[in-house]
Amino acid sequence: MAGIAAAQSLHNASISDFIIVDVNDYIGGRVAHTTFGTNPVTKEPYIVELGANWVQGLVSPGGPENPIWTLAKKWGLNNTYSNYSKIQTYDQNGIADFDGLLDDYENAYSTVEQDAGTILTQNLQDRTMRTGLSIADWKPKKNMQRQAAEWWEFDWEYAYSPDQSSQTWAIVV
């Protein structure tokens, strides 16, 4: 959306000599979906949203409304409030309590936050988020529950894995 908005602004300013460059081969940024499995009733694949399926930061007290939220209301898009403090977690045996693992991750993340501040303020070499988490003793490599907790806490939120993310800029931005 940012590229399209930039192009529209340039066009509205009578500038026509520009190129939009995007990392993806489609318009939409994180707005994307894929198919997964097959619905046994319809025999059609399920459609799974891969990103940008929520509006964050709706309204700041005394501040402006998120323009995406304004558009969602204008066009009557359905929405459901997400209560992230009440998530249900599962493993191969069914319902499982990941609260302790989520707390462990958040403790490691707090350490990574502090380290990122040091890296930034002292102009040190950045590292991957994976390295920062490992230094903070978060190592989910062979533990599926820990991997799931990390996916929930990081990959889902940032749209990339800790292996693909900068420690400093994942925290600062």
C-alpha atoms as a PDB file:
ATOM      1  CA  MET A   1       0.000   0.000   0.000  1.00  0.00           C
ATOM      2  CA  ALA A   2       2.876   2.367   0.704  1.00  0.00           C
ATOM      3  CA  GLY A   3       4.199   2.030  -2.857  1.00  0.00           C
ATOM      4  CA  ILE A   4       0.775   2.598  -4.381  1.00  0.00           C
ATOM      5  CA  ALA A   5       0.192   5.628  -2.134  1.00  0.00           C
ATOM      6  CA  ALA A   6       3.614   7.024  -3.088  1.00  0.00           C
ATOM      7  CA  ALA A   7       2.837   6.514  -6.794  1.00  0.00           C
ATOM      8  CA  GLN A   8      -0.530   8.214  -6.382  1.00  0.00           C
ATOM      9  CA  SER A   9       1.089  11.171  -4.608  1.00  0.00           C
ATOM     10  CA  LEU A  10       3.696  11.513  -7.361  1.00  0.00           C
ATOM     11  CA  HIS A  11       1.028  11.235 -10.058  1.00  0.00           C
ATOM     12  CA  ASN A  12      -1.145  13.836  -8.304  1.00  0.00           C
ATOM     13  CA  ALA A  13       1.901  16.141  -8.277  1.00  0.00           C
ATOM     14  CA  SER A  14       2.159  15.686 -12.100  1.00  0.00           C
ATOM     15  CA  ILE A  15       5.290  13.553 -11.789  1.00  0.00           C
ATOM     16  CA  SER A  16       5.163  10.638 -14.196  1.00  0.00           C
ATOM     17  CA  ASP A  17       8.777   9.534 -14.505  1.00  0.00           C
ATOM     18  CA  PHE A  18       9.075   7.014 -11.661  1.00  0.00           C
ATOM     19  CA  ILE A  19       9.246   3.263 -11.071  1.00  0.00           C
ATOM     20  CA  ILE A  20       7.792   1.325  -8.149  1.00  0.00           C
ATOM     21  CA  VAL A  21      10.198  -1.356  -6.928  1.00  0.00           C
ATOM     22  CA  ASP A  22       8.876  -4.074  -4.629  1.00  0.00           C
ATOM     23  CA  VAL A  23      10.374  -7.190  -3.103  1.00  0.00           C
ATOM     24  CA  ASN A  24       7.347  -9.265  -4.209  1.00  0.00           C
ATOM     25  CA  ASP A  25       6.038 -10.008  -7.690  1.00  0.00           C
ATOM     26  CA  TYR A  26       2.556  -8.802  -6.729  1.00  0.00           C
ATOM     27  CA  ILE A  27       0.915  -5.670  -5.355  1.00  0.00           C
ATOM     28  CA  GLY A  28      -0.155  -5.802  -1.732  1.00  0.00           C
ATOM     29  CA  GLY A  29       2.893  -6.153   0.502  1.00  0.00           C
ATOM     30  CA  ARG A  30       1.948  -8.381   3.419  1.00  0.00           C
ATOM     31  CA  VAL A  31      -1.599  -8.784   2.097  1.00  0.00           C
ATOM     32  CA  ALA A  32      -1.311 -12.292   0.696  1.00  0.00           C
ATOM     33  CA  HIS A  33      -2.873 -15.719   1.001  1.00  0.00           C
ATOM     34  CA  THR A  34      -2.186 -19.316   0.072  1.00  0.00           C
ATOM     35  CA  THR A  35      -4.110 -22.556  -0.090  1.00  0.00           C
ATOM     36  CA  PHE A  36      -3.766 -25.270   2.528  1.00  0.00           C
ATOM     37  CA  GLY A  37      -5.278 -28.736   2.652  1.00  0.00           C
ATOM     38  CA  THR A  38      -8.729 -29.538   1.324  1.00  0.00           C
ATOM     39  CA  ASN A  39     -12.168 -28.915   2.771  1.00  0.00           C
ATOM     40  CA  PRO A  40     -13.768 -32.389   2.912  1.00  0.00           C
ATOM     41  CA  VAL A  41     -17.243 -31.001   2.177  1.00  0.00           C
ATOM     42  CA  THR A  42     -16.529 -28.635  -0.729  1.00  0.00           C
ATOM     43  CA  LYS A  43     -13.402 -30.464  -1.963  1.00  0.00           C
ATOM     44  CA  GLU A  44     -11.846 -27.003  -2.379  1.00  0.00           C
ATOM     45  CA  PRO A  45      -8.620 -25.971  -0.661  1.00  0.00           C
ATOM     46  CA  TYR A  46      -8.808 -23.871   2.487  1.00  0.00           C
ATOM     47  CA  ILE A  47      -7.526 -20.322   2.027  1.00  0.00           C
ATOM     48  CA  VAL A  48      -5.078 -19.187   4.694  1.00  0.00           C
ATOM     49  CA  GLU A  49      -4.177 -15.529   5.142  1.00  0.00           C
ATOM     50  CA  LEU A  50      -0.423 -15.014   5.412  1.00  0.00           C
ATOM     51  CA  GLY A  51      -0.338 -11.483   6.724  1.00  0.00           C
ATOM     52  CA  ALA A  52      -1.963  -8.113   7.163  1.00  0.00           C
ATOM     53  CA  ASN A  53      -5.149  -9.687   8.409  1.00  0.00           C
ATOM     54  CA  TRP A  54      -5.663  -7.332  11.305  1.00  0.00           C
ATOM     55  CA  VAL A  55      -5.666  -3.600  11.934  1.00  0.00           C
ATOM     56  CA  GLN A  56      -3.379  -2.554  14.755  1.00  0.00           C
ATOM     57  CA  GLY A  57      -3.401   0.747  16.589  1.00  0.00           C
ATOM     58  CA  LEU A  58      -6.980   1.734  15.891  1.00  0.00           C
ATOM     59  CA  VAL A  59      -7.158   5.045  17.727  1.00  0.00           C
ATOM     60  CA  SER A  60      -4.827   6.874  20.083  1.00  0.00           C
ATOM     61  CA  PRO A  61      -6.582   8.696  22.917  1.00  0.00           C
ATOM     62  CA  GLY A  62      -6.908  12.286  21.742  1.00  0.00           C
ATOM     63  CA  GLY A  63      -5.128  11.399  18.512  1.00  0.00           C
ATOM     64  CA  PRO A  64      -6.066  10.499  14.966  1.00  0.00           C
ATOM     65  CA  GLU A  65      -7.739   7.283  13.916  1.00  0.00           C
ATOM     66  CA  ASN A  66      -5.663   4.719  11.993  1.00  0.00           C
ATOM     67  CA  PRO A  67      -6.556   5.417   8.317  1.00  0.00           C
ATOM     68  CA  ILE A  68      -6.759   1.680   7.601  1.00  0.00           C
ATOM     69  CA  TRP A  69      -9.354   1.364  10.366  1.00  0.00           C
ATOM     70  CA  THR A  70     -11.260   4.268   8.805  1.00  0.00           C
ATOM     71  CA  LEU A  71     -11.319   2.391   5.487  1.00  0.00           C
ATOM     72  CA  ALA A  72     -12.311  -0.890   7.160  1.00  0.00           C
ATOM     73  CA  LYS A  73     -15.294   0.826   8.794  1.00  0.00           C
ATOM     74  CA  LYS A  74     -16.212   2.678   5.597  1.00  0.00           C
ATOM     75  CA  TRP A  75     -16.410  -0.544   3.606  1.00  0.00           C
ATOM     76  CA  GLY A  76     -18.048  -2.571   6.386  1.00  0.00           C
ATOM     77  CA  LEU A  77     -15.265  -5.127   6.765  1.00  0.00           C
ATOM     78  CA  ASN A  78     -15.964  -7.755   9.391  1.00  0.00           C
ATOM     79  CA  ASN A  79     -13.702  -7.765  12.398  1.00  0.00           C
ATOM     80  CA  THR A  80     -13.229  -9.595  15.661  1.00  0.00           C
ATOM     81  CA  TYR A  81     -11.377  -8.318  18.704  1.00  0.00           C
ATOM     82  CA  SER A  82      -8.296 -10.417  19.401  1.00  0.00           C
ATOM     83  CA  ASN A  83      -7.613 -11.046  23.069  1.00  0.00           C
ATOM     84  CA  TYR A  84      -3.971 -12.117  23.007  1.00  0.00           C
ATOM     85  CA  SER A  85      -3.856 -12.677  26.753  1.00  0.00           C
ATOM     86  CA  LYS A  86      -6.235 -15.635  26.332  1.00  0.00           C
ATOM     87  CA  ILE A  87      -4.672 -17.768  23.604  1.00  0.00           C
ATOM     88  CA  GLN A  88      -5.259 -21.520  23.441  1.00  0.00           C
ATOM     89  CA  THR A  89      -2.202 -23.645  22.689  1.00  0.00           C
ATOM     90  CA  TYR A  90      -1.973 -27.194  21.387  1.00  0.00           C
ATOM     91  CA  ASP A  91       0.659 -29.831  20.806  1.00  0.00           C
ATOM     92  CA  GLN A  92       0.496 -33.281  19.206  1.00  0.00           C
ATOM     93  CA  ASN A  93      -1.573 -34.529  22.177  1.00  0.00           C
ATOM     94  CA  GLY A  94      -4.195 -31.778  22.092  1.00  0.00           C
ATOM     95  CA  ILE A  95      -4.598 -28.778  24.385  1.00  0.00           C
ATOM     96  CA  ALA A  96      -1.322 -27.884  26.120  1.00  0.00           C
ATOM     97  CA  ASP A  97      -0.410 -25.054  28.475  1.00  0.00           C
ATOM     98  CA  PHE A  98       2.374 -22.954  26.921  1.00  0.00           C
ATOM     99  CA  ASP A  99       2.120 -20.105  29.458  1.00  0.00           C
ATOM    100  CA  GLY A 100       5.477 -20.946  31.030  1.00  0.00           C
ATOM    101  CA  LEU A 101       7.174 -21.123  27.631  1.00  0.00           C
ATOM    102  CA  LEU A 102       5.629 -17.814  26.553  1.00  0.00           C
ATOM    103  CA  ASP A 103       6.907 -16.262  29.794  1.00  0.00           C
ATOM    104  CA  ASP A 104      10.378 -17.743  29.169  1.00  0.00           C
ATOM    105  CA  TYR A 105      10.405 -16.257  25.668  1.00  0.00           C
ATOM    106  CA  GLU A 106       9.316 -12.844  26.935  1.00  0.00           C
ATOM    107  CA  ASN A 107      12.080 -12.903  29.562  1.00  0.00           C
ATOM    108  CA  ALA A 108      14.653 -13.684  26.864  1.00  0.00           C
ATOM    109  CA  TYR A 109      13.132 -10.971  24.657  1.00  0.00           C
ATOM    110  CA  SER A 110      13.585  -8.438  27.485  1.00  0.00           C
ATOM    111  CA  THR A 111      17.290  -9.283  27.579  1.00  0.00           C
ATOM    112  CA  VAL A 112      17.470  -8.965  23.774  1.00  0.00           C
ATOM    113  CA  GLU A 113      15.782  -5.531  24.021  1.00  0.00           C
ATOM    114  CA  GLN A 114      18.432  -4.307  26.437  1.00  0.00           C
ATOM    115  CA  ASP A 115      21.222  -5.707  24.251  1.00  0.00           C
ATOM    116  CA  ALA A 116      19.717  -4.032  21.164  1.00  0.00           C
ATOM    117  CA  GLY A 117      19.812  -0.691  22.946  1.00  0.00           C
ATOM    118  CA  THR A 118      23.474  -1.217  23.773  1.00  0.00           C
ATOM    119  CA  ILE A 119      24.265  -2.252  20.183  1.00  0.00           C
ATOM    120  CA  LEU A 120      22.512   0.844  18.831  1.00  0.00           C
ATOM    121  CA  THR A 121      23.819   3.439  21.279  1.00  0.00           C
ATOM    122  CA  GLN A 122      27.402   2.150  21.143  1.00  0.00           C
ATOM    123  CA  ASN A 123      27.330   1.710  17.351  1.00  0.00           C
ATOM    124  CA  LEU A 124      28.281  -1.978  17.634  1.00  0.00           C
ATOM    125  CA  GLN A 125      27.904  -4.647  14.949  1.00  0.00           C
ATOM    126  CA  ASP A 126      24.287  -5.786  14.660  1.00  0.00           C
ATOM    127  CA  ARG A 127      23.404  -9.467  14.698  1.00  0.00           C
ATOM    128  CA  THR A 128      20.398 -11.594  13.868  1.00  0.00           C
ATOM    129  CA  MET A 129      17.533 -11.840  16.274  1.00  0.00           C
ATOM    130  CA  ARG A 130      18.304 -15.591  16.468  1.00  0.00           C
ATOM    131  CA  THR A 131      21.795 -14.820  17.785  1.00  0.00           C
ATOM    132  CA  GLY A 132      20.402 -12.334  20.294  1.00  0.00           C
ATOM    133  CA  LEU A 133      17.812 -14.832  21.520  1.00  0.00           C
ATOM    134  CA  SER A 134      20.455 -17.552  21.766  1.00  0.00           C
ATOM    135  CA  ILE A 135      22.692 -15.285  23.857  1.00  0.00           C
ATOM    136  CA  ALA A 136      19.637 -14.666  26.075  1.00  0.00           C
ATOM    137  CA  ASP A 137      19.390 -18.485  26.478  1.00  0.00           C
ATOM    138  CA  TRP A 138      16.337 -18.940  24.235  1.00  0.00           C
ATOM    139  CA  LYS A 139      17.190 -21.968  22.072  1.00  0.00           C
ATOM    140  CA  PRO A 140      14.073 -23.689  20.709  1.00  0.00           C
ATOM    141  CA  LYS A 141      15.891 -25.707  18.033  1.00  0.00           C
ATOM    142  CA  LYS A 142      14.604 -29.232  18.808  1.00  0.00           C
ATOM    143  CA  ASN A 143      11.649 -28.423  21.055  1.00  0.00           C
ATOM    144  CA  MET A 144       8.413 -28.116  19.056  1.00  0.00           C
ATOM    145  CA  GLN A 145       6.529 -26.344  21.860  1.00  0.00           C
ATOM    146  CA  ARG A 146       9.304 -23.749  22.184  1.00  0.00           C
ATOM    147  CA  GLN A 147       9.313 -23.339  18.396  1.00  0.00           C
ATOM    148  CA  ALA A 148       5.558 -22.766  18.451  1.00  0.00           C
ATOM    149  CA  ALA A 149       5.888 -20.224  21.284  1.00  0.00           C
ATOM    150  CA  GLU A 150       8.595 -18.396  19.317  1.00  0.00           C
ATOM    151  CA  TRP A 151       6.481 -18.415  16.156  1.00  0.00           C
ATOM    152  CA  TRP A 152       3.588 -16.874  18.100  1.00  0.00           C
ATOM    153  CA  GLU A 153       5.747 -14.271  19.808  1.00  0.00           C
ATOM    154  CA  PHE A 154       8.023 -13.328  16.903  1.00  0.00           C
ATOM    155  CA  ASP A 155       7.419 -14.761  13.427  1.00  0.00           C
ATOM    156  CA  TRP A 156       3.694 -14.048  13.408  1.00  0.00           C
ATOM    157  CA  GLU A 157       4.152 -10.521  14.694  1.00  0.00           C
ATOM    158  CA  TYR A 158       7.122  -9.528  12.526  1.00  0.00           C
ATOM    159  CA  ALA A 159       6.283 -11.643   9.424  1.00  0.00           C
ATOM    160  CA  TYR A 160       9.857 -12.982   9.358  1.00  0.00           C
ATOM    161  CA  SER A 161      11.759 -15.460  11.474  1.00  0.00           C
ATOM    162  CA  PRO A 162      14.465 -14.448  13.971  1.00  0.00           C
ATOM    163  CA  ASP A 163      17.001 -15.951  11.530  1.00  0.00           C
ATOM    164  CA  GLN A 164      15.945 -13.371   8.917  1.00  0.00           C
ATOM    165  CA  SER A 165      15.654 -10.389  11.256  1.00  0.00           C
ATOM    166  CA  SER A 166      18.054  -7.832  12.671  1.00  0.00           C
ATOM    167  CA  GLN A 167      18.187  -7.846  16.454  1.00  0.00           C
ATOM    168  CA  THR A 168      18.553  -4.094  16.692  1.00  0.00           C
ATOM    169  CA  TRP A 169      15.966  -3.070  14.108  1.00  0.00           C
ATOM    170  CA  ALA A 170      13.387  -5.679  15.146  1.00  0.00           C
ATOM    171  CA  ILE A 171      13.449  -4.072  18.584  1.00  0.00           C
ATOM    172  CA  VAL A 172      13.876  -0.408  17.688  1.00  0.00           C
ATOM    173  CA  VAL A 173      11.356  -0.109  14.872  1.00  0.00           C
END
